[in-house]
């Protein structure tokens, strides 16, 4: 298990867990947000390791359960939201469109 100093783990409720990784944590995991993909074995291994750490600290267990995983970049790392999915519970998906009124600049 990789030693992380700044990582924040919050069990939101029985089905949701939020893990915030600071830049130091990202470096410890040798992880870049733009390379954090489920299709990448290294990323899957990191997610599994984060879930083991979270279970030890909060009791949140995703063992043999379906998960929705959302990763959001932050100013100093990223936030990862884990949501346990139930076959009985169909989560309504909402789609939002962000209108960008500003032109990109360099």
N, C-alpha and C. Protein backbone atom coordinates (compact mmCIF):
# COMPACT_ATOMS: atom_id res chain seq x y z
N UNK A 1 0.84 -1.18 0.00
CA UNK A 1 0.00 0.00 0.00
C UNK A 1 0.89 1.24 0.00
N UNK A 2 0.54 2.20 -0.82
CA UNK A 2 1.32 3.43 -0.95
C UNK A 2 0.97 4.37 0.20
N UNK A 3 1.96 5.01 0.79
CA UNK A 3 1.70 5.96 1.85
C UNK A 3 1.25 7.30 1.28
N UNK A 4 0.11 7.77 1.74
CA UNK A 4 -0.41 9.05 1.29
C UNK A 4 -0.64 9.92 2.52
N UNK A 5 -0.32 11.18 2.39
CA UNK A 5 -0.38 12.06 3.55
C UNK A 5 -1.58 13.00 3.53
N UNK A 6 -2.04 13.38 2.37
CA UNK A 6 -3.02 14.45 2.29
C UNK A 6 -4.41 13.93 1.92
N UNK A 7 -4.52 12.71 1.45
CA UNK A 7 -5.79 12.16 0.98
C UNK A 7 -6.89 12.31 2.04
N UNK A 8 -8.08 12.73 1.58
CA UNK A 8 -9.22 12.89 2.46
C UNK A 8 -10.30 11.90 2.01
N UNK A 9 -10.78 11.08 2.94
CA UNK A 9 -11.82 10.10 2.65
C UNK A 9 -13.05 10.44 3.46
N UNK A 10 -14.19 10.60 2.77
CA UNK A 10 -15.44 10.93 3.44
C UNK A 10 -16.54 9.99 3.00
N UNK A 11 -17.12 9.27 3.96
CA UNK A 11 -18.28 8.44 3.66
C UNK A 11 -19.50 9.36 3.73
N UNK A 12 -20.10 9.63 2.59
CA UNK A 12 -21.21 10.57 2.52
C UNK A 12 -22.47 9.94 3.12
N UNK A 13 -22.76 8.72 2.72
CA UNK A 13 -23.87 7.95 3.26
C UNK A 13 -23.59 6.48 2.99
N UNK A 14 -24.60 5.63 3.12
CA UNK A 14 -24.37 4.19 2.97
C UNK A 14 -23.97 3.77 1.56
N UNK A 15 -24.27 4.61 0.56
CA UNK A 15 -23.96 4.21 -0.82
C UNK A 15 -22.94 5.10 -1.51
N UNK A 16 -22.50 6.18 -0.87
CA UNK A 16 -21.56 7.10 -1.53
C UNK A 16 -20.34 7.37 -0.67
N UNK A 17 -19.20 7.44 -1.38
CA UNK A 17 -17.91 7.69 -0.75
C UNK A 17 -17.17 8.71 -1.61
N UNK A 18 -16.56 9.69 -0.98
CA UNK A 18 -15.79 10.71 -1.69
C UNK A 18 -14.34 10.65 -1.22
N UNK A 19 -13.44 10.51 -2.18
CA UNK A 19 -12.01 10.52 -1.88
C UNK A 19 -11.38 11.69 -2.63
N UNK A 20 -10.72 12.56 -1.88
CA UNK A 20 -10.04 13.71 -2.47
C UNK A 20 -8.54 13.46 -2.42
N UNK A 21 -7.92 13.53 -3.58
CA UNK A 21 -6.48 13.34 -3.68
C UNK A 21 -5.81 14.68 -3.97
N UNK A 22 -4.84 15.04 -3.16
CA UNK A 22 -4.06 16.25 -3.40
C UNK A 22 -2.94 15.91 -4.38
N UNK A 23 -2.23 16.92 -4.83
CA UNK A 23 -1.15 16.68 -5.80
C UNK A 23 -0.09 15.73 -5.24
N UNK A 24 0.16 15.80 -3.92
CA UNK A 24 1.13 14.90 -3.30
C UNK A 24 0.66 13.44 -3.42
N UNK A 25 -0.65 13.22 -3.24
CA UNK A 25 -1.21 11.87 -3.38
C UNK A 25 -1.10 11.39 -4.82
N UNK A 26 -1.40 12.28 -5.75
CA UNK A 26 -1.31 11.93 -7.17
C UNK A 26 0.13 11.52 -7.51
N UNK A 27 1.10 12.25 -6.97
CA UNK A 27 2.50 11.91 -7.21
C UNK A 27 2.85 10.58 -6.56
N UNK A 28 2.35 10.33 -5.35
CA UNK A 28 2.64 9.07 -4.65
C UNK A 28 2.10 7.87 -5.44
N UNK A 29 0.95 8.05 -6.08
CA UNK A 29 0.37 6.99 -6.90
C UNK A 29 0.91 7.01 -8.33
N UNK A 30 1.78 7.98 -8.63
CA UNK A 30 2.29 8.16 -9.99
C UNK A 30 1.12 8.24 -10.97
N UNK A 31 0.19 9.15 -10.66
CA UNK A 31 -1.06 9.26 -11.39
C UNK A 31 -1.24 10.67 -11.93
N UNK A 32 -1.65 10.74 -13.18
CA UNK A 32 -2.05 12.01 -13.79
C UNK A 32 -3.52 11.91 -14.16
N UNK A 33 -4.26 12.98 -13.94
CA UNK A 33 -5.71 12.93 -14.17
C UNK A 33 -6.03 12.56 -15.62
N UNK A 34 -5.28 13.10 -16.56
CA UNK A 34 -5.58 12.84 -17.97
C UNK A 34 -5.28 11.39 -18.37
N UNK A 35 -4.60 10.64 -17.51
CA UNK A 35 -4.32 9.23 -17.79
C UNK A 35 -5.14 8.29 -16.89
N UNK A 36 -6.05 8.86 -16.12
CA UNK A 36 -6.85 8.09 -15.16
C UNK A 36 -8.07 7.53 -15.89
N UNK A 37 -7.91 6.33 -16.46
CA UNK A 37 -8.95 5.71 -17.27
C UNK A 37 -9.22 4.30 -16.78
N UNK A 38 -10.49 3.89 -16.81
CA UNK A 38 -10.84 2.54 -16.39
C UNK A 38 -10.20 1.49 -17.29
N UNK A 39 -9.96 1.81 -18.54
CA UNK A 39 -9.35 0.86 -19.46
C UNK A 39 -7.87 0.61 -19.16
N UNK A 40 -7.29 1.44 -18.30
CA UNK A 40 -5.89 1.31 -17.93
C UNK A 40 -5.75 0.45 -16.67
N UNK A 41 -4.95 -0.61 -16.74
CA UNK A 41 -4.79 -1.52 -15.60
C UNK A 41 -4.24 -0.79 -14.37
N UNK A 42 -3.30 0.12 -14.57
CA UNK A 42 -2.72 0.86 -13.46
C UNK A 42 -3.80 1.67 -12.73
N UNK A 43 -4.69 2.30 -13.50
CA UNK A 43 -5.78 3.08 -12.89
C UNK A 43 -6.72 2.18 -12.10
N UNK A 44 -7.05 1.01 -12.63
CA UNK A 44 -7.92 0.06 -11.92
C UNK A 44 -7.26 -0.40 -10.62
N UNK A 45 -5.95 -0.64 -10.67
CA UNK A 45 -5.24 -1.05 -9.46
C UNK A 45 -5.26 0.06 -8.40
N UNK A 46 -5.12 1.30 -8.83
CA UNK A 46 -5.16 2.43 -7.90
C UNK A 46 -6.56 2.54 -7.29
N UNK A 47 -7.60 2.38 -8.08
CA UNK A 47 -8.97 2.44 -7.57
C UNK A 47 -9.18 1.33 -6.54
N UNK A 48 -8.72 0.14 -6.82
CA UNK A 48 -8.85 -0.97 -5.86
C UNK A 48 -8.12 -0.64 -4.56
N UNK A 49 -6.93 -0.08 -4.69
CA UNK A 49 -6.16 0.28 -3.49
C UNK A 49 -6.87 1.37 -2.69
N UNK A 50 -7.43 2.36 -3.38
CA UNK A 50 -8.17 3.41 -2.68
C UNK A 50 -9.38 2.83 -1.94
N UNK A 51 -10.06 1.87 -2.56
CA UNK A 51 -11.22 1.25 -1.91
C UNK A 51 -10.81 0.43 -0.69
N UNK A 52 -9.64 -0.21 -0.72
CA UNK A 52 -9.15 -0.95 0.44
C UNK A 52 -8.86 0.03 1.58
N UNK A 53 -8.20 1.13 1.27
CA UNK A 53 -7.90 2.15 2.28
C UNK A 53 -9.19 2.70 2.86
N UNK A 54 -10.16 2.99 1.98
CA UNK A 54 -11.45 3.55 2.43
C UNK A 54 -12.19 2.57 3.34
N UNK A 55 -12.14 1.29 3.00
CA UNK A 55 -12.84 0.30 3.84
C UNK A 55 -12.20 0.24 5.22
N UNK A 56 -10.88 0.30 5.29
CA UNK A 56 -10.19 0.28 6.58
C UNK A 56 -10.54 1.51 7.42
N UNK A 57 -10.67 2.66 6.77
CA UNK A 57 -10.90 3.91 7.52
C UNK A 57 -12.37 4.20 7.80
N UNK A 58 -13.27 3.79 6.89
CA UNK A 58 -14.67 4.18 7.05
C UNK A 58 -15.64 3.01 7.12
N UNK A 59 -15.20 1.82 6.74
CA UNK A 59 -16.11 0.69 6.71
C UNK A 59 -16.90 0.58 5.41
N UNK A 60 -16.68 1.50 4.48
CA UNK A 60 -17.37 1.47 3.18
C UNK A 60 -16.83 0.30 2.37
N UNK A 61 -17.70 -0.64 2.03
CA UNK A 61 -17.26 -1.82 1.29
C UNK A 61 -17.96 -1.88 -0.06
N UNK A 62 -17.16 -2.09 -1.10
CA UNK A 62 -17.70 -2.23 -2.45
C UNK A 62 -17.43 -3.63 -2.99
N UNK A 63 -17.06 -4.53 -2.09
CA UNK A 63 -16.72 -5.90 -2.49
C UNK A 63 -17.92 -6.58 -3.15
N UNK A 64 -17.71 -7.08 -4.37
CA UNK A 64 -18.73 -7.79 -5.15
C UNK A 64 -19.99 -6.94 -5.39
N UNK A 65 -19.81 -5.64 -5.51
CA UNK A 65 -20.93 -4.74 -5.76
C UNK A 65 -20.63 -3.91 -6.99
N UNK A 66 -21.68 -3.51 -7.68
CA UNK A 66 -21.51 -2.63 -8.83
C UNK A 66 -21.29 -1.21 -8.34
N UNK A 67 -20.39 -0.50 -9.04
CA UNK A 67 -20.03 0.86 -8.64
C UNK A 67 -20.13 1.81 -9.83
N UNK A 68 -20.53 3.01 -9.54
CA UNK A 68 -20.35 4.10 -10.49
C UNK A 68 -19.20 4.92 -9.93
N UNK A 69 -18.20 5.19 -10.76
CA UNK A 69 -17.02 5.93 -10.32
C UNK A 69 -16.92 7.20 -11.16
N UNK A 70 -16.86 8.33 -10.47
CA UNK A 70 -16.75 9.62 -11.16
C UNK A 70 -15.50 10.33 -10.64
N UNK A 71 -14.63 10.73 -11.54
CA UNK A 71 -13.42 11.45 -11.18
C UNK A 71 -13.53 12.88 -11.69
N UNK A 72 -13.25 13.82 -10.80
CA UNK A 72 -13.39 15.24 -11.11
C UNK A 72 -12.05 15.93 -10.80
N UNK A 73 -11.48 16.64 -11.77
CA UNK A 73 -10.22 17.34 -11.47
C UNK A 73 -10.48 18.51 -10.51
N UNK A 74 -9.53 18.77 -9.65
CA UNK A 74 -9.59 19.91 -8.75
C UNK A 74 -8.34 20.75 -8.96
N UNK A 75 -8.27 21.88 -8.29
CA UNK A 75 -7.11 22.75 -8.42
C UNK A 75 -5.83 22.05 -7.98
N UNK A 76 -5.94 21.18 -6.99
CA UNK A 76 -4.76 20.53 -6.43
C UNK A 76 -4.91 19.02 -6.40
N UNK A 77 -5.29 18.40 -7.52
CA UNK A 77 -5.43 16.95 -7.56
C UNK A 77 -6.73 16.54 -8.22
N UNK A 78 -7.48 15.65 -7.55
CA UNK A 78 -8.78 15.23 -8.08
C UNK A 78 -9.65 14.69 -6.96
N UNK A 79 -10.94 14.65 -7.23
CA UNK A 79 -11.91 14.06 -6.32
C UNK A 79 -12.54 12.88 -7.03
N UNK A 80 -12.74 11.79 -6.30
CA UNK A 80 -13.33 10.60 -6.87
C UNK A 80 -14.55 10.24 -6.04
N UNK A 81 -15.71 10.20 -6.71
CA UNK A 81 -16.96 9.86 -6.05
C UNK A 81 -17.33 8.43 -6.44
N UNK A 82 -17.50 7.58 -5.43
CA UNK A 82 -17.92 6.20 -5.63
C UNK A 82 -19.37 6.09 -5.18
N UNK A 83 -20.21 5.51 -6.02
CA UNK A 83 -21.61 5.29 -5.68
C UNK A 83 -21.94 3.83 -5.90
N UNK A 84 -22.42 3.16 -4.85
CA UNK A 84 -22.84 1.77 -4.99
C UNK A 84 -24.14 1.73 -5.78
N UNK A 85 -24.21 0.84 -6.74
CA UNK A 85 -25.41 0.70 -7.56
C UNK A 85 -26.15 -0.56 -7.16
N UNK A 86 -27.45 -0.49 -7.22
CA UNK A 86 -28.29 -1.63 -6.92
C UNK A 86 -29.04 -2.02 -8.18
N UNK A 87 -29.19 -3.32 -8.40
CA UNK A 87 -29.96 -3.78 -9.55
C UNK A 87 -31.42 -3.37 -9.43
N UNK A 88 -31.90 -3.26 -8.20
CA UNK A 88 -33.30 -2.91 -7.98
C UNK A 88 -33.54 -1.41 -8.14
N UNK A 89 -32.53 -0.64 -7.83
CA UNK A 89 -32.65 0.81 -7.89
C UNK A 89 -32.09 1.31 -9.22
N UNK A 90 -32.93 1.88 -10.01
CA UNK A 90 -32.49 2.46 -11.27
C UNK A 90 -32.28 3.95 -11.05
N UNK A 91 -31.03 4.36 -11.12
CA UNK A 91 -30.72 5.76 -10.91
C UNK A 91 -31.05 6.56 -12.16
N UNK A 92 -31.83 7.60 -11.98
CA UNK A 92 -32.15 8.47 -13.11
C UNK A 92 -30.91 9.27 -13.45
N UNK A 93 -30.53 9.21 -14.70
CA UNK A 93 -29.35 9.96 -15.14
C UNK A 93 -29.81 11.30 -15.67
N UNK A 94 -29.19 12.33 -15.20
CA UNK A 94 -29.48 13.66 -15.69
C UNK A 94 -28.33 14.12 -16.56
N UNK A 95 -28.68 14.75 -17.66
CA UNK A 95 -27.66 15.28 -18.55
C UNK A 95 -27.76 16.79 -18.53
N UNK A 96 -26.61 17.41 -18.43
CA UNK A 96 -26.54 18.86 -18.41
C UNK A 96 -25.62 19.32 -19.53
N UNK A 97 -25.95 20.41 -20.14
CA UNK A 97 -25.10 20.99 -21.16
C UNK A 97 -24.59 22.32 -20.62
N UNK A 98 -23.29 22.47 -20.67
CA UNK A 98 -22.68 23.71 -20.20
C UNK A 98 -22.47 24.61 -21.41
N UNK A 99 -23.01 25.80 -21.32
CA UNK A 99 -22.84 26.76 -22.40
C UNK A 99 -21.64 27.63 -22.08
N UNK A 100 -20.69 27.58 -22.97
CA UNK A 100 -19.47 28.37 -22.79
C UNK A 100 -19.60 29.62 -23.65
N UNK A 101 -19.74 30.75 -22.99
CA UNK A 101 -19.89 32.01 -23.70
C UNK A 101 -18.55 32.68 -23.97
N UNK A 102 -17.49 32.10 -23.47
CA UNK A 102 -16.17 32.69 -23.62
C UNK A 102 -15.38 31.90 -24.67
N UNK A 103 -14.65 32.61 -25.44
CA UNK A 103 -13.77 31.98 -26.44
C UNK A 103 -12.48 31.52 -25.73
N UNK A 104 -11.94 30.39 -26.13
CA UNK A 104 -10.68 29.96 -25.53
C UNK A 104 -9.55 30.93 -25.88
N UNK A 105 -8.62 31.05 -24.96
CA UNK A 105 -7.48 31.92 -25.21
C UNK A 105 -6.21 31.22 -24.75
N UNK A 106 -5.11 31.66 -25.32
CA UNK A 106 -3.82 31.08 -24.96
C UNK A 106 -2.93 32.16 -24.40
